[in-house]
Amino acid sequence: MRIASLFGRDPAGGLPALFQGRRISYSFNTRAAIRQACDLLGLQSGDEVLAPAFNCGSELDPLLHAGLTVVLYPVDRQTHVDIAAIEAGITSRTRAIYLIHYFGFLQPATASLRALCDARGLFLIEDCALSLLSGANPANGSAGDISLFCFYKFFPVIGGGALVINNSRITSEPRFDKRPSFRITGKALLRASIDMALGAERRHALMRRLRPGRPAPVAPPVTGANSHPDMPSDYYFDDRLLNTRINSLTAHQIPTFDISGAIAIRRSNYLTYLAAFADRPGITPLFQNLPDETCPLSMPILVEN
C-alpha cells in the first residue's frame, strides 16, 4: 500500500462509490454489522436462523449473542446451497436464512433462495464479506433484506464493515454511534502488523506460547454441529463492538482504493494460479472457471487426502 493512498482520493470514489444511493452504514467490522442486523430485523431470543454448515464461526457468534438458535443446513463440495434442503429445515420458529457467498463466487441459487424467503415470510441475511467486489456491479449484495460486507479481507485496513438495508419495509436505521476504543483499534492494528510480519498461523502459535495457561473460550452449542476444535478467541463477538462504528483511519482510507485495479489484479492472479495448477497432480482448483463478474478473494484448492 502506498503511503500516499492514506491521504489521497481515488478519482472514481473508491469503496464508498460502490454503495452510492443505497442505505449503507459503516461498522467497526462485519461481526458488529451482523449483530445489529439481528436487532433491525426484530429477531428475538429463541428465534431460529438457518445458516450454512460451511462457516468459520465468526459470522455465527453474533447470531448466538443475540439469543438466536442457529440450525445448520448443508453446503456441497462446490460451496453451493441446496434450496430443497433449506426448505426442509424450516420450522414454525424459523425467522431468517443466512446466506454466504464463498471465496468471491456468488451463489447461483440466490434468486431462488430470495423467492423461498418471500414465499415463507422469512428474512434473508446476505453475507457478502467474501464477495465484496463481485457482481455485475461490485458490492452487489442486493438479494438480502440486509446485506453485509467486509473491507479488510480485500484491502489493507484495520477492520471496517458495512450493513446495507435493501428492504424498504425496514424503517429503523442502524446505530453505529459508538467510537471504537483505543484498546480495540490498537489490538486490531497490532494483530495486522504481526500477521504481515509473521503470518496468522505463526501469530496464533506465538500467542499460545505466551499464554500457555489461558483456557480457550467455550462456544455456545450450535444445533447440528459436531465436536470440532474451537475457533481462535479473536473470532468471537466482543460485547464492546455493539453499535461500534468504523474506525477513523479506515474511514479515511476506503475512498482512496482503486477498485477496478484491485479487481483486475485479483482476476489476473487467479488465472495465473489456475494455469499453474493445471498440470499438478493431486491438486484441483475448487472453481475451474472464473466468471466475468467474479472477483476472487483467494484461490481455494482441493488436495488428495
Foldseek 3Di string as FASTA:
>chain_A
DDPVLLPDFDPCQFPVNLQPPFQKAKAAAQLLQLLLVCVLLVPAAAAEEEEAPPDQPLSCQSVVVRNYAYAHFYADLLREGDPVRVVVPDDPRYAEYEEEQPQQHGHPCLVVVLVVCVVVVHFYEYECQNNQQFDPRGNPQQSGQKYKYWDVLQDPDQHMMMITGNNPVSPDGAQLPAEQDPVSSVVSVVQSVCCVVPNNVVVVVVVCVVCVPDDADDGDDHPPDDDDDDRHNVSHDDPSRHSHGHHPSVVSNRSSDDSVVSQVVQVVVQVVVLVVCPPPPQKAFSDNDDDPRGRGSDTDIGGDD
